[in-house]
Amino acid sequence: MRTLVTGGTGFLGRSLVRLLRERGEDVTALVREGSDAAPLEALGARIVRGDVLAADDVRRAAADAERIVHAAGLVAYERRDAPRLRALNVDSVRNVVAALPEGARLVHVSSVAAIGPATARDRPATEEQPWPERANAYPYPASKRAGEQVALAAAAAGRDVVVASPAFVLGAGDVNRSSTFAVWRYLQGTLRIHTPGGLSYVHVDDVAAGILAAADRGRAGERYALANRDGNLSHEDFFRRIGEVTGERRRMIGLPPRLAIAGATLVRWPIKPGEVRSAANWWFYDEAKAERELGYANRPLDETIAETVAAYR
């Protein structure tokens, strides 16, 4: 199987490339000029230099692909980031869909954020949840939702497209601290506040395995939440869990969202106002569909946290 991976130099992308190579697959990675491709080359991937925002570059990289895993994207939460989010999370999807060879399958790596926050803490969202209009106020979820709609529209038009929607990934190898920054800040002692709300935490390798399962067995036109019901934790419970796993218990202060947003606006905190606005929701999900149709599974959360901590230490 010849697979093209975009976003291969990122946290999740490296795990995907490694698992694909362990399966003996022929992997091509589309990598921007200036990005470090050495770890992917060490795994045996063929490197094609180019940009997912350049249609010709994507078409050239995808020319002989039997499958594309589109994992490139941007995580950002401030309103000023909206143009870049639209480019990398929406326009890039259009380029990949246009470049998809006839008969090839596209696995679009979206996010559970594209489902929207759960309606309540005790009601984790599923793939069937209607998109909450209030989520349009959050730039990152809105951009991932829009990109996902491009992919699903291609499926509706008869292309072989499936969507994988990862939750909040942890583990070793987050070179840009894109999703493990809270663990890093906790260990530093520089993050001491939290708001109401929470996230669904998963191990990066479990998500990568789920994405490949979607590539192998996912139904075209469907999306699969790669989440963790046991990892649905409030921010308060998550920090407490890190303390229990590491033995480094820190005093955390809970703040109402408005006060936390005001503080992040006026003072240079480790987190930004947009991150606080988004965090003050219940991003909780149920992975039953992925378990049932893909055989998706999660390892124990404490093991995931311990590995993340060990990587920083």
Protein backbone atom coordinates (compact mmCIF):
# COMPACT_ATOMS: atom_id res chain seq x y z
CA MET A 1 0.00 0.00 0.00
CA ARG A 2 1.35 3.43 -0.99
CA THR A 3 0.28 6.04 1.54
CA LEU A 4 0.82 9.79 1.45
CA VAL A 5 0.86 11.47 4.88
CA THR A 6 0.56 15.20 5.38
CA GLY A 7 1.51 16.69 8.73
CA GLY A 8 4.01 13.89 9.27
CA THR A 9 6.49 16.06 11.19
CA GLY A 10 3.91 16.80 13.92
CA PHE A 11 3.15 14.94 17.13
CA LEU A 12 0.44 12.69 15.72
CA GLY A 13 1.97 12.58 12.24
CA ARG A 14 5.20 10.97 13.44
CA SER A 15 3.25 8.29 15.24
CA LEU A 16 1.23 7.62 12.09
CA VAL A 17 4.32 7.31 9.91
CA ARG A 18 5.97 4.98 12.42
CA LEU A 19 2.95 2.67 12.61
CA LEU A 20 2.59 2.63 8.82
CA ARG A 21 6.25 1.71 8.39
CA GLU A 22 5.96 -1.00 11.05
CA ARG A 23 3.20 -2.47 8.89
CA GLY A 24 5.62 -2.51 5.97
CA GLU A 25 3.81 0.15 3.98
CA ASP A 26 5.40 2.49 1.45
CA VAL A 27 5.06 5.97 2.98
CA THR A 28 5.52 9.35 1.35
CA ALA A 29 5.48 12.45 3.55
CA LEU A 30 4.73 15.92 2.21
CA VAL A 31 7.01 18.21 4.25
CA ARG A 32 7.36 21.98 4.09
CA GLU A 33 10.71 23.53 3.23
CA GLY A 34 12.59 24.24 6.44
CA SER A 35 10.83 21.55 8.47
CA ASP A 36 13.00 18.80 9.94
CA ALA A 37 12.29 15.63 7.97
CA ALA A 38 15.16 13.61 9.50
CA PRO A 39 12.94 11.65 11.96
CA LEU A 40 10.66 10.59 9.10
CA GLU A 41 13.59 9.68 6.87
CA ALA A 42 14.96 7.56 9.73
CA LEU A 43 11.66 5.67 9.71
CA GLY A 44 12.06 4.98 5.99
CA ALA A 45 9.57 7.50 4.62
CA ARG A 46 10.13 9.14 1.25
CA ILE A 47 10.16 12.92 1.59
CA VAL A 48 8.53 15.24 -0.90
CA ARG A 49 9.09 18.91 -0.18
CA GLY A 50 6.04 21.07 -0.62
CA ASP A 51 3.14 22.85 1.05
CA VAL A 52 -0.42 21.62 1.65
CA LEU A 53 -1.57 25.12 0.68
CA ALA A 54 -0.02 24.76 -2.78
CA ALA A 55 -2.35 22.65 -4.92
CA ASP A 56 0.41 21.67 -7.34
CA ASP A 57 2.63 20.44 -4.51
CA VAL A 58 -0.14 18.25 -3.11
CA ARG A 59 -0.97 16.88 -6.55
CA ARG A 60 2.68 16.02 -7.19
CA ALA A 61 3.06 14.24 -3.83
CA ALA A 62 -0.21 12.32 -4.27
CA ALA A 63 0.37 11.24 -7.87
CA ASP A 64 0.83 7.52 -7.17
CA ALA A 65 -0.85 7.27 -3.75
CA GLU A 66 -3.37 4.53 -3.06
CA ARG A 67 -4.33 6.27 0.18
CA ILE A 68 -3.87 9.72 1.71
CA VAL A 69 -3.89 10.45 5.43
CA HIS A 70 -4.34 14.20 5.76
CA ALA A 71 -3.09 15.05 9.24
CA ALA A 72 -1.72 18.53 8.55
CA GLY A 73 -3.45 21.38 10.33
CA LEU A 74 -3.14 24.20 12.82
CA VAL A 75 -4.15 24.38 16.48
CA ALA A 76 -4.77 27.97 17.62
CA TYR A 77 -7.49 29.59 19.69
CA GLU A 78 -7.30 33.36 19.28
CA ARG A 79 -9.67 35.22 16.98
CA ARG A 80 -6.74 36.84 15.22
CA ASP A 81 -5.66 33.34 14.15
CA ALA A 82 -8.85 32.79 12.10
CA PRO A 83 -7.26 33.43 8.64
CA ARG A 84 -4.43 30.96 9.28
CA LEU A 85 -6.87 28.42 10.72
CA ARG A 86 -9.06 28.66 7.64
CA ALA A 87 -6.10 28.23 5.35
CA LEU A 88 -4.57 25.21 7.08
CA ASN A 89 -7.73 23.51 8.36
CA VAL A 90 -10.08 24.20 5.44
CA ASP A 91 -8.26 25.23 2.27
CA SER A 92 -5.71 22.43 2.64
CA VAL A 93 -8.56 19.90 2.71
CA ARG A 94 -9.80 21.23 -0.63
CA ASN A 95 -6.32 20.77 -2.10
CA VAL A 96 -6.06 17.20 -0.82
CA VAL A 97 -9.54 16.27 -2.08
CA ALA A 98 -8.70 17.72 -5.50
CA ALA A 99 -5.43 15.75 -5.60
CA LEU A 100 -6.95 12.42 -4.51
CA PRO A 101 -6.22 9.88 -7.28
CA GLU A 102 -9.14 7.97 -8.70
CA GLY A 103 -9.84 4.88 -6.59
CA ALA A 104 -7.69 6.09 -3.67
CA ARG A 105 -9.03 6.56 -0.15
CA LEU A 106 -8.69 9.75 1.88
CA VAL A 107 -8.59 9.63 5.67
CA HIS A 108 -9.16 13.17 6.82
CA VAL A 109 -7.85 13.73 10.34
CA SER A 110 -10.29 16.16 11.89
CA SER A 111 -10.90 16.64 15.63
CA VAL A 112 -13.60 15.96 18.18
CA ALA A 113 -13.73 19.77 18.37
CA ALA A 114 -15.58 19.58 15.04
CA ILE A 115 -18.40 17.76 16.84
CA GLY A 116 -18.65 20.64 19.31
CA PRO A 117 -18.68 20.60 23.10
CA ALA A 118 -21.00 18.22 24.93
CA THR A 119 -24.30 19.63 26.12
CA ALA A 120 -23.45 18.68 29.72
CA ARG A 121 -20.67 17.10 31.73
CA ASP A 122 -22.59 13.86 32.19
CA ARG A 123 -23.65 13.59 28.51
CA PRO A 124 -20.55 12.99 26.36
CA ALA A 125 -21.10 13.95 22.74
CA THR A 126 -21.21 11.44 19.88
CA GLU A 127 -20.72 11.78 16.15
CA GLU A 128 -24.47 12.30 15.76
CA GLN A 129 -24.64 15.39 17.97
CA PRO A 130 -25.95 18.43 16.05
CA TRP A 131 -23.37 21.17 15.71
CA PRO A 132 -24.00 23.73 18.48
CA GLU A 133 -24.15 27.19 16.92
CA ARG A 134 -22.37 28.69 19.93
CA ALA A 135 -19.27 26.71 18.95
CA ASN A 136 -18.86 29.03 15.94
CA ALA A 137 -17.46 31.56 18.43
CA TYR A 138 -14.39 29.35 18.92
CA PRO A 139 -11.99 29.73 15.95
CA TYR A 140 -10.33 26.31 16.14
CA PRO A 141 -13.46 24.13 16.41
CA ALA A 142 -15.19 26.22 13.74
CA SER A 143 -12.28 25.77 11.32
CA LYS A 144 -12.07 22.02 11.94
CA ARG A 145 -15.82 21.73 11.40
CA ALA A 146 -15.55 23.60 8.09
CA GLY A 147 -12.67 21.41 6.91
CA GLU A 148 -14.56 18.29 7.88
CA GLN A 149 -17.54 19.46 5.85
CA VAL A 150 -15.31 19.75 2.77
CA ALA A 151 -14.18 16.15 3.26
CA LEU A 152 -17.71 14.83 3.84
CA ALA A 153 -19.02 16.72 0.81
CA ALA A 154 -16.45 14.86 -1.30
CA ALA A 155 -17.72 11.58 0.19
CA ALA A 156 -21.30 12.57 -0.66
CA ALA A 157 -20.12 13.17 -4.24
CA GLY A 158 -18.85 9.59 -4.45
CA ARG A 159 -15.23 9.86 -3.36
CA ASP A 160 -13.82 7.32 -0.87
CA VAL A 161 -13.41 9.60 2.15
CA VAL A 162 -13.58 8.75 5.86
CA VAL A 163 -13.08 11.15 8.79
CA ALA A 164 -11.17 10.37 11.99
CA SER A 165 -11.73 12.77 14.88
CA PRO A 166 -9.07 12.54 17.62
CA ALA A 167 -9.55 13.86 21.14
CA PHE A 168 -6.80 15.61 23.14
CA VAL A 169 -3.61 13.62 22.58
CA LEU A 170 -0.91 12.97 25.18
CA GLY A 171 2.25 10.86 25.20
CA ALA A 172 5.92 11.25 24.31
CA GLY A 173 7.15 13.14 21.27
CA ASP A 174 5.12 16.36 21.30
CA VAL A 175 7.95 18.39 19.81
CA ASN A 176 5.91 21.59 19.57
CA ARG A 177 4.10 21.14 22.91
CA SER A 178 0.89 21.55 20.95
CA SER A 179 -1.26 19.38 23.21
CA THR A 180 0.89 18.35 26.18
CA PHE A 181 1.69 21.91 27.27
CA ALA A 182 -0.59 21.67 30.32
CA VAL A 183 1.46 18.74 31.66
CA TRP A 184 4.68 20.64 31.00
CA ARG A 185 3.37 23.79 32.71
CA TYR A 186 2.12 21.78 35.69
CA LEU A 187 5.54 20.19 36.15
CA GLN A 188 7.16 23.62 35.92
CA GLY A 189 4.75 24.98 38.49
CA THR A 190 3.81 27.88 36.20
CA LEU A 191 0.20 26.83 35.60
CA ARG A 192 -1.80 27.11 38.82
CA ILE A 193 -5.33 27.97 37.65
CA HIS A 194 -8.20 26.15 36.02
CA THR A 195 -11.77 26.93 34.99
CA PRO A 196 -14.89 24.77 34.87
CA GLY A 197 -14.81 22.50 31.83
CA GLY A 198 -12.75 19.55 30.70
CA LEU A 199 -11.22 17.51 27.91
CA SER A 200 -11.13 13.91 26.67
CA TYR A 201 -7.53 12.68 26.95
CA VAL A 202 -6.09 9.90 24.75
CA HIS A 203 -2.70 8.41 23.96
CA VAL A 204 -1.19 9.56 20.66
CA ASP A 205 -0.39 5.99 19.59
CA ASP A 206 -3.92 4.80 20.33
CA VAL A 207 -5.24 7.59 18.13
CA ALA A 208 -2.76 6.75 15.37
CA ALA A 209 -3.88 3.11 15.50
CA GLY A 210 -7.49 4.29 15.34
CA ILE A 211 -6.77 6.40 12.26
CA LEU A 212 -5.21 3.41 10.50
CA ALA A 213 -8.20 1.29 11.53
CA ALA A 214 -10.42 3.91 9.93
CA ALA A 215 -8.26 3.69 6.81
CA ASP A 216 -8.68 -0.09 6.75
CA ARG A 217 -12.26 -0.56 7.92
CA GLY A 218 -14.01 2.80 8.19
CA ARG A 219 -17.13 3.37 6.15
CA ALA A 220 -16.88 6.06 3.49
CA GLY A 221 -18.77 9.19 4.46
CA GLU A 222 -18.60 8.42 8.19
CA ARG A 223 -16.67 10.08 10.98
CA TYR A 224 -15.27 8.35 14.03
CA ALA A 225 -14.57 9.99 17.40
CA LEU A 226 -11.25 8.64 18.69
CA ALA A 227 -11.87 9.68 22.28
CA ASN A 228 -11.72 8.10 25.73
CA ARG A 229 -14.71 7.99 28.05
CA ASP A 230 -12.35 7.14 30.94
CA GLY A 231 -10.25 10.13 29.92
CA ASN A 232 -13.17 12.59 30.09
CA LEU A 233 -11.78 14.69 32.94
CA SER A 234 -12.50 18.14 34.26
CA HIS A 235 -9.43 20.38 34.30
CA GLU A 236 -9.43 20.16 38.09
CA ASP A 237 -9.52 16.35 38.00
CA PHE A 238 -6.84 16.20 35.31
CA PHE A 239 -4.35 18.24 37.33
CA ARG A 240 -5.19 16.19 40.40
CA ARG A 241 -4.51 13.04 38.36
CA ILE A 242 -1.09 14.32 37.28
CA GLY A 243 -0.29 14.97 40.93
CA GLU A 244 -1.34 11.46 41.90
CA VAL A 245 0.71 9.86 39.13
CA THR A 246 3.85 11.93 39.76
CA GLY A 247 3.59 12.51 43.49
CA GLU A 248 4.03 16.23 42.77
CA ARG A 249 0.80 17.70 44.10
CA ARG A 250 0.41 21.41 43.46
CA ARG A 251 -2.18 23.79 44.81
CA MET A 252 -4.48 24.75 41.92
CA ILE A 253 -6.97 27.62 41.99
CA GLY A 254 -10.35 27.39 40.29
CA LEU A 255 -11.55 30.62 38.65
CA PRO A 256 -14.85 31.53 36.96
CA PRO A 257 -14.36 31.78 33.17
CA ARG A 258 -14.91 35.56 33.01
CA LEU A 259 -12.31 36.22 35.67
CA ALA A 260 -9.84 33.82 34.05
CA ILE A 261 -10.38 35.42 30.62
CA ALA A 262 -9.90 38.91 32.09
CA GLY A 263 -6.71 37.78 33.82
CA ALA A 264 -5.34 36.20 30.66
CA THR A 265 -6.13 39.41 28.76
CA LEU A 266 -4.50 41.79 31.23
CA VAL A 267 -1.58 39.69 32.44
CA ARG A 268 0.88 37.51 30.53
CA TRP A 269 -0.30 34.10 31.75
CA PRO A 270 0.85 30.72 30.42
CA ILE A 271 -2.53 30.52 28.65
CA LYS A 272 -4.23 32.99 26.32
CA PRO A 273 -7.78 34.41 26.46
CA GLY A 274 -8.99 32.31 23.53
CA GLU A 275 -7.69 29.16 25.16
CA VAL A 276 -9.60 30.00 28.33
CA ARG A 277 -12.83 30.70 26.41
CA SER A 278 -12.60 27.35 24.68
CA ALA A 279 -11.46 25.44 27.77
CA ALA A 280 -14.53 26.50 29.75
CA ASN A 281 -16.64 23.85 27.98
CA TRP A 282 -17.14 20.14 28.39
CA TRP A 283 -15.22 18.61 25.48
CA PHE A 284 -16.32 15.11 26.50
CA TYR A 285 -16.97 12.33 23.96
CA ASP A 286 -18.06 8.73 23.64
CA GLU A 287 -15.96 6.47 21.39
CA ALA A 288 -18.52 3.64 21.16
CA LYS A 289 -18.88 3.89 17.37
CA ALA A 290 -15.11 3.62 16.82
CA GLU A 291 -14.93 0.70 19.25
CA ARG A 292 -17.76 -1.10 17.50
CA GLU A 293 -16.77 -0.53 13.88
CA LEU A 294 -12.99 -0.10 14.03
CA GLY A 295 -11.94 -2.11 17.09
CA TYR A 296 -10.58 1.10 18.59
CA ALA A 297 -9.18 0.82 22.13
CA ASN A 298 -7.49 2.99 24.75
CA ARG A 299 -4.75 2.13 27.22
CA PRO A 300 -5.09 3.15 30.91
CA LEU A 301 -5.00 6.92 31.34
CA ASP A 302 -2.46 6.82 34.19
CA GLU A 303 -0.04 5.04 31.85
CA THR A 304 -0.54 7.80 29.28
CA ILE A 305 0.07 10.54 31.83
CA ALA A 306 3.16 8.78 33.21
CA GLU A 307 4.66 8.50 29.72
CA THR A 308 4.00 12.16 29.01
CA VAL A 309 5.63 13.19 32.28
CA ALA A 310 8.64 10.93 31.70
CA ALA A 311 9.22 12.51 28.29
CA TYR A 312 9.51 15.97 29.85
CA ARG A 313 11.71 14.78 32.68
